[in-house]
Amino acid sequence: MSEADKSKAQLVIVTGLVVIYFIFGSRFPYLLYAAGAVGVISIAVPFLGDLIVKGWYKLAEILGAINGRILLSIIFFLILFPIAVLSRMGRKNPLSLKKEKSGSAFTERNHLYTAKDLEQVW
């Protein structure tokens, strides 16, 4: 990671803390102190600033892994699972995955193709 990227990340951390402080007001005064501390440490001791950025990226990686699993689980259980249950409750075989009584999955379709069938193929 370049020095410019590290500086951008440090600036984003400080700006984020200040914005959160102004959103929640005086209930969380330590956010403003934390923003000032991160800014001063990043400028005064670059090694500690780099550690702050590494910690920030590690936290973002962990949260990304957790959020991905949570969101995909919610989508699965709230959308896909009920659709699958409702589909299984029906008696139809829309994809023809179950074998018919004849034992073959082949479906014979007696259709005479015309020029209109080939006008808009896609």
N, C-alpha and C. Protein backbone atom coordinates (compact mmCIF):
# COMPACT_ATOMS: atom_id res chain seq x y z
N MET A 1 0.84 -1.16 0.00
CA MET A 1 0.00 0.00 0.00
C MET A 1 0.90 1.24 0.00
N SER A 2 0.57 2.19 -0.85
CA SER A 2 1.40 3.39 -0.95
C SER A 2 1.12 4.35 0.20
N GLU A 3 2.01 5.31 0.35
CA GLU A 3 1.85 6.30 1.41
C GLU A 3 0.59 7.15 1.19
N ALA A 4 0.28 7.41 -0.05
CA ALA A 4 -0.93 8.19 -0.35
C ALA A 4 -2.18 7.43 0.08
N ASP A 5 -2.20 6.12 -0.16
CA ASP A 5 -3.34 5.31 0.25
C ASP A 5 -3.47 5.26 1.76
N LYS A 6 -2.34 5.16 2.45
CA LYS A 6 -2.37 5.15 3.91
C LYS A 6 -2.89 6.49 4.44
N SER A 7 -2.44 7.57 3.83
CA SER A 7 -2.89 8.89 4.26
C SER A 7 -4.39 9.07 4.01
N LYS A 8 -4.86 8.56 2.88
CA LYS A 8 -6.29 8.63 2.58
C LYS A 8 -7.09 7.84 3.61
N ALA A 9 -6.62 6.66 3.96
CA ALA A 9 -7.33 5.84 4.94
C ALA A 9 -7.36 6.53 6.30
N GLN A 10 -6.25 7.15 6.69
CA GLN A 10 -6.20 7.85 7.96
C GLN A 10 -7.16 9.04 7.95
N LEU A 11 -7.21 9.74 6.85
CA LEU A 11 -8.11 10.88 6.72
C LEU A 11 -9.57 10.43 6.77
N VAL A 12 -9.86 9.30 6.15
CA VAL A 12 -11.23 8.77 6.19
C VAL A 12 -11.61 8.38 7.61
N ILE A 13 -10.71 7.78 8.35
CA ILE A 13 -10.99 7.40 9.74
C ILE A 13 -11.29 8.65 10.56
N VAL A 14 -10.44 9.66 10.45
CA VAL A 14 -10.63 10.90 11.22
C VAL A 14 -11.94 11.58 10.81
N THR A 15 -12.19 11.69 9.53
CA THR A 15 -13.41 12.34 9.05
C THR A 15 -14.64 11.58 9.49
N GLY A 16 -14.58 10.27 9.42
CA GLY A 16 -15.72 9.46 9.86
C GLY A 16 -16.03 9.64 11.32
N LEU A 17 -15.00 9.67 12.15
CA LEU A 17 -15.22 9.89 13.58
C LEU A 17 -15.82 11.26 13.86
N VAL A 18 -15.35 12.27 13.15
CA VAL A 18 -15.89 13.63 13.33
C VAL A 18 -17.35 13.69 12.87
N VAL A 19 -17.66 13.08 11.74
CA VAL A 19 -19.04 13.09 11.24
C VAL A 19 -19.96 12.36 12.21
N ILE A 20 -19.53 11.24 12.73
CA ILE A 20 -20.35 10.50 13.70
C ILE A 20 -20.54 11.33 14.96
N TYR A 21 -19.51 12.06 15.37
CA TYR A 21 -19.63 12.95 16.53
C TYR A 21 -20.71 14.00 16.29
N PHE A 22 -20.72 14.62 15.10
CA PHE A 22 -21.70 15.66 14.82
C PHE A 22 -23.10 15.09 14.64
N ILE A 23 -23.21 13.86 14.20
CA ILE A 23 -24.53 13.24 14.05
C ILE A 23 -25.14 12.97 15.43
N PHE A 24 -24.35 12.39 16.33
CA PHE A 24 -24.88 12.01 17.64
C PHE A 24 -24.72 13.10 18.69
N GLY A 25 -24.04 14.17 18.37
CA GLY A 25 -23.94 15.30 19.27
C GLY A 25 -23.06 15.04 20.48
N SER A 26 -23.43 15.66 21.58
CA SER A 26 -22.58 15.64 22.77
C SER A 26 -22.71 14.35 23.58
N ARG A 27 -23.52 13.41 23.12
CA ARG A 27 -23.65 12.16 23.86
C ARG A 27 -22.38 11.32 23.81
N PHE A 28 -21.59 11.49 22.76
CA PHE A 28 -20.36 10.72 22.59
C PHE A 28 -19.17 11.65 22.38
N PRO A 29 -18.73 12.37 23.39
CA PRO A 29 -17.63 13.31 23.19
C PRO A 29 -16.30 12.62 22.92
N TYR A 30 -16.18 11.37 23.29
CA TYR A 30 -14.92 10.66 23.07
C TYR A 30 -14.65 10.41 21.59
N LEU A 31 -15.67 10.50 20.74
CA LEU A 31 -15.43 10.34 19.30
C LEU A 31 -14.56 11.48 18.76
N LEU A 32 -14.81 12.67 19.25
CA LEU A 32 -14.00 13.82 18.82
C LEU A 32 -12.57 13.68 19.33
N TYR A 33 -12.43 13.21 20.56
CA TYR A 33 -11.08 12.98 21.10
C TYR A 33 -10.36 11.87 20.33
N ALA A 34 -11.10 10.84 19.96
CA ALA A 34 -10.50 9.74 19.20
C ALA A 34 -10.07 10.23 17.82
N ALA A 35 -10.88 11.08 17.18
CA ALA A 35 -10.52 11.62 15.87
C ALA A 35 -9.26 12.45 15.97
N GLY A 36 -9.18 13.29 17.00
CA GLY A 36 -7.97 14.11 17.18
C GLY A 36 -6.75 13.24 17.47
N ALA A 37 -6.93 12.21 18.28
CA ALA A 37 -5.81 11.33 18.61
C ALA A 37 -5.31 10.58 17.39
N VAL A 38 -6.23 10.06 16.57
CA VAL A 38 -5.82 9.34 15.36
C VAL A 38 -5.10 10.29 14.41
N GLY A 39 -5.61 11.49 14.26
CA GLY A 39 -4.96 12.47 13.37
C GLY A 39 -3.57 12.84 13.82
N VAL A 40 -3.43 13.13 15.11
CA VAL A 40 -2.12 13.54 15.64
C VAL A 40 -1.13 12.38 15.61
N ILE A 41 -1.58 11.19 16.01
CA ILE A 41 -0.69 10.02 15.99
C ILE A 41 -0.24 9.70 14.57
N SER A 42 -1.17 9.80 13.60
CA SER A 42 -0.83 9.49 12.21
C SER A 42 0.23 10.45 11.67
N ILE A 43 0.16 11.71 12.09
CA ILE A 43 1.13 12.69 11.60
C ILE A 43 2.44 12.59 12.37
N ALA A 44 2.34 12.46 13.70
CA ALA A 44 3.54 12.51 14.54
C ALA A 44 4.35 11.21 14.49
N VAL A 45 3.66 10.07 14.51
CA VAL A 45 4.36 8.78 14.54
C VAL A 45 3.82 7.94 13.37
N PRO A 46 4.45 8.01 12.21
CA PRO A 46 3.94 7.30 11.04
C PRO A 46 3.81 5.79 11.24
N PHE A 47 4.69 5.21 12.06
CA PHE A 47 4.62 3.76 12.30
C PHE A 47 3.30 3.40 12.98
N LEU A 48 2.88 4.18 13.97
CA LEU A 48 1.61 3.93 14.64
C LEU A 48 0.42 4.22 13.71
N GLY A 49 0.59 5.21 12.85
CA GLY A 49 -0.45 5.49 11.85
C GLY A 49 -0.64 4.31 10.90
N ASP A 50 0.48 3.68 10.53
CA ASP A 50 0.39 2.50 9.68
C ASP A 50 -0.31 1.36 10.40
N LEU A 51 -0.04 1.20 11.69
CA LEU A 51 -0.71 0.16 12.47
C LEU A 51 -2.22 0.41 12.57
N ILE A 52 -2.58 1.68 12.71
CA ILE A 52 -4.01 2.03 12.75
C ILE A 52 -4.68 1.66 11.44
N VAL A 53 -4.03 1.95 10.32
CA VAL A 53 -4.59 1.63 9.01
C VAL A 53 -4.69 0.11 8.82
N LYS A 54 -3.65 -0.61 9.23
CA LYS A 54 -3.70 -2.08 9.11
C LYS A 54 -4.84 -2.65 9.95
N GLY A 55 -5.01 -2.12 11.16
CA GLY A 55 -6.11 -2.56 12.01
C GLY A 55 -7.47 -2.23 11.41
N TRP A 56 -7.55 -1.04 10.79
CA TRP A 56 -8.79 -0.63 10.14
C TRP A 56 -9.14 -1.57 8.99
N TYR A 57 -8.16 -1.91 8.17
CA TYR A 57 -8.41 -2.81 7.05
C TYR A 57 -8.74 -4.22 7.53
N LYS A 58 -8.12 -4.67 8.61
CA LYS A 58 -8.42 -5.99 9.15
C LYS A 58 -9.85 -6.02 9.67
N LEU A 59 -10.27 -4.94 10.37
CA LEU A 59 -11.64 -4.85 10.85
C LEU A 59 -12.63 -4.86 9.68
N ALA A 60 -12.29 -4.13 8.63
CA ALA A 60 -13.16 -4.09 7.44
C ALA A 60 -13.25 -5.47 6.79
N GLU A 61 -12.15 -6.20 6.77
CA GLU A 61 -12.16 -7.55 6.19
C GLU A 61 -13.05 -8.50 7.00
N ILE A 62 -12.93 -8.42 8.32
CA ILE A 62 -13.75 -9.28 9.20
C ILE A 62 -15.23 -8.92 9.06
N LEU A 63 -15.54 -7.62 9.09
CA LEU A 63 -16.94 -7.21 8.94
C LEU A 63 -17.51 -7.58 7.57
N GLY A 64 -16.67 -7.50 6.54
CA GLY A 64 -17.12 -7.90 5.21
C GLY A 64 -17.46 -9.38 5.15
N ALA A 65 -16.66 -10.21 5.79
CA ALA A 65 -16.93 -11.64 5.79
C ALA A 65 -18.21 -11.95 6.58
N ILE A 66 -18.37 -11.28 7.71
CA ILE A 66 -19.56 -11.52 8.53
C ILE A 66 -20.81 -11.02 7.83
N ASN A 67 -20.76 -9.79 7.31
CA ASN A 67 -21.93 -9.23 6.63
C ASN A 67 -22.33 -10.04 5.42
N GLY A 68 -21.37 -10.52 4.67
CA GLY A 68 -21.70 -11.34 3.50
C GLY A 68 -22.47 -12.58 3.90
N ARG A 69 -22.02 -13.24 4.93
CA ARG A 69 -22.70 -14.46 5.38
C ARG A 69 -24.09 -14.14 5.94
N ILE A 70 -24.19 -13.06 6.69
CA ILE A 70 -25.48 -12.70 7.27
C ILE A 70 -26.48 -12.34 6.17
N LEU A 71 -26.06 -11.51 5.23
CA LEU A 71 -26.98 -11.09 4.16
C LEU A 71 -27.40 -12.26 3.29
N LEU A 72 -26.45 -13.12 2.95
CA LEU A 72 -26.81 -14.28 2.12
C LEU A 72 -27.72 -15.23 2.87
N SER A 73 -27.52 -15.39 4.16
CA SER A 73 -28.40 -16.25 4.96
C SER A 73 -29.80 -15.67 5.02
N ILE A 74 -29.90 -14.36 5.22
CA ILE A 74 -31.21 -13.72 5.27
C ILE A 74 -31.94 -13.87 3.94
N ILE A 75 -31.24 -13.63 2.84
CA ILE A 75 -31.86 -13.79 1.52
C ILE A 75 -32.31 -15.22 1.31
N PHE A 76 -31.48 -16.18 1.72
CA PHE A 76 -31.83 -17.58 1.52
C PHE A 76 -33.08 -17.94 2.31
N PHE A 77 -33.09 -17.62 3.61
CA PHE A 77 -34.19 -18.07 4.44
C PHE A 77 -35.48 -17.25 4.26
N LEU A 78 -35.38 -16.01 3.84
CA LEU A 78 -36.59 -15.21 3.66
C LEU A 78 -37.16 -15.25 2.25
N ILE A 79 -36.32 -15.55 1.27
CA ILE A 79 -36.80 -15.52 -0.12
C ILE A 79 -36.74 -16.90 -0.78
N LEU A 80 -35.55 -17.47 -0.84
CA LEU A 80 -35.39 -18.71 -1.61
C LEU A 80 -36.03 -19.93 -0.95
N PHE A 81 -35.88 -20.08 0.36
CA PHE A 81 -36.44 -21.23 1.05
C PHE A 81 -37.97 -21.28 0.96
N PRO A 82 -38.69 -20.18 1.21
CA PRO A 82 -40.16 -20.25 1.06
C PRO A 82 -40.60 -20.56 -0.38
N ILE A 83 -39.87 -20.03 -1.35
CA ILE A 83 -40.22 -20.33 -2.75
C ILE A 83 -40.03 -21.82 -3.03
N ALA A 84 -38.95 -22.38 -2.51
CA ALA A 84 -38.70 -23.81 -2.71
C ALA A 84 -39.77 -24.66 -2.04
N VAL A 85 -40.17 -24.26 -0.83
CA VAL A 85 -41.20 -25.03 -0.11
C VAL A 85 -42.53 -24.95 -0.86
N LEU A 86 -42.89 -23.77 -1.32
CA LEU A 86 -44.13 -23.63 -2.09
C LEU A 86 -44.08 -24.41 -3.39
N SER A 87 -42.93 -24.43 -4.02
CA SER A 87 -42.78 -25.18 -5.27
C SER A 87 -42.92 -26.67 -5.03
N ARG A 88 -42.37 -27.17 -3.93
CA ARG A 88 -42.48 -28.60 -3.63
C ARG A 88 -43.90 -28.99 -3.25
N MET A 89 -44.65 -28.04 -2.69
CA MET A 89 -46.02 -28.35 -2.30
C MET A 89 -46.92 -28.52 -3.52
N GLY A 90 -46.54 -27.89 -4.62
CA GLY A 90 -47.32 -28.03 -5.84
C GLY A 90 -47.14 -29.41 -6.43
N ARG A 91 -48.09 -29.84 -7.23
CA ARG A 91 -48.04 -31.19 -7.79
C ARG A 91 -47.46 -31.20 -9.21
N LYS A 92 -47.17 -30.05 -9.73
CA LYS A 92 -46.66 -30.00 -11.10
C LYS A 92 -45.17 -30.30 -11.13
N ASN A 93 -44.68 -30.58 -12.30
CA ASN A 93 -43.26 -30.87 -12.52
C ASN A 93 -42.77 -29.88 -13.59
N PRO A 94 -42.57 -28.59 -13.23
CA PRO A 94 -42.31 -27.57 -14.25
C PRO A 94 -41.00 -27.75 -15.00
N LEU A 95 -39.98 -28.31 -14.38
CA LEU A 95 -38.70 -28.49 -15.07
C LEU A 95 -38.54 -29.89 -15.65
N SER A 96 -39.54 -30.71 -15.48
CA SER A 96 -39.51 -32.10 -15.95
C SER A 96 -38.31 -32.85 -15.40
N LEU A 97 -38.03 -32.65 -14.12
CA LEU A 97 -36.90 -33.32 -13.50
C LEU A 97 -37.27 -34.72 -13.02
N LYS A 98 -38.53 -34.92 -12.69
CA LYS A 98 -38.97 -36.25 -12.24
C LYS A 98 -39.31 -37.09 -13.46
N LYS A 99 -38.96 -38.35 -13.39
CA LYS A 99 -39.24 -39.23 -14.52
C LYS A 99 -40.73 -39.49 -14.63
N GLU A 100 -41.19 -39.50 -15.85
CA GLU A 100 -42.58 -39.81 -16.12
C GLU A 100 -42.76 -41.32 -16.06
N LYS A 101 -43.97 -41.78 -16.23
CA LYS A 101 -44.26 -43.21 -16.15
C LYS A 101 -43.56 -44.01 -17.24
N SER A 102 -43.25 -43.33 -18.36
CA SER A 102 -42.62 -44.04 -19.47
C SER A 102 -41.15 -44.35 -19.18
N GLY A 103 -40.55 -43.68 -18.20
CA GLY A 103 -39.16 -43.94 -17.86
C GLY A 103 -38.18 -43.07 -18.63
N SER A 104 -38.66 -42.21 -19.52
CA SER A 104 -37.78 -41.36 -20.29
C SER A 104 -38.04 -39.90 -19.94
N ALA A 105 -37.00 -39.11 -19.98
CA ALA A 105 -37.15 -37.69 -19.72
C ALA A 105 -37.39 -36.92 -21.01
N PHE A 106 -37.38 -37.59 -22.14
CA PHE A 106 -37.58 -36.97 -23.43
C PHE A 106 -39.03 -36.57 -23.59
N THR A 107 -39.26 -35.34 -24.03
CA THR A 107 -40.62 -34.87 -24.30
C THR A 107 -40.75 -34.63 -25.79
N GLU A 108 -41.69 -35.30 -26.38
CA GLU A 108 -41.88 -35.15 -27.82
C GLU A 108 -42.80 -33.95 -28.06
N ARG A 109 -42.35 -33.08 -28.95
CA ARG A 109 -43.10 -31.87 -29.25
C ARG A 109 -43.38 -31.84 -30.74
N ASN A 110 -44.61 -31.99 -31.08
CA ASN A 110 -45.02 -31.93 -32.49
C ASN A 110 -45.33 -30.48 -32.83
N HIS A 111 -44.35 -29.83 -33.44
CA HIS A 111 -44.51 -28.42 -33.77
C HIS A 111 -43.93 -28.18 -35.15
N LEU A 112 -44.71 -27.56 -36.00
CA LEU A 112 -44.26 -27.23 -37.34
C LEU A 112 -43.71 -25.81 -37.30
N TYR A 113 -42.40 -25.66 -37.52
CA TYR A 113 -41.76 -24.35 -37.46
C TYR A 113 -42.14 -23.52 -38.68
N THR A 114 -42.37 -22.24 -38.43
CA THR A 114 -42.70 -21.31 -39.51
C THR A 114 -41.66 -20.20 -39.49
N ALA A 115 -41.75 -19.31 -40.46
CA ALA A 115 -40.81 -18.18 -40.54
C ALA A 115 -40.98 -17.25 -39.34
N LYS A 116 -42.16 -17.16 -38.79
CA LYS A 116 -42.41 -16.29 -37.64
C LYS A 116 -41.64 -16.78 -36.40
N ASP A 117 -41.43 -18.08 -36.27
CA ASP A 117 -40.67 -18.63 -35.14
C ASP A 117 -39.23 -18.17 -35.13
N LEU A 118 -38.68 -17.85 -36.29
CA LEU A 118 -37.27 -17.50 -36.40
C LEU A 118 -37.02 -16.00 -36.55
N GLU A 119 -38.06 -15.18 -36.42
CA GLU A 119 -37.87 -13.73 -36.58
C GLU A 119 -37.08 -13.12 -35.42
N GLN A 120 -37.45 -13.39 -34.21
CA GLN A 120 -36.77 -12.84 -33.04
C GLN A 120 -36.33 -14.01 -32.15
N VAL A 121 -35.20 -14.59 -32.51
CA VAL A 121 -34.72 -15.77 -31.82
C VAL A 121 -34.28 -15.43 -30.40
N TRP A 122 -33.64 -14.27 -30.22
CA TRP A 122 -33.13 -13.91 -28.91
C TRP A 122 -34.11 -13.03 -28.22
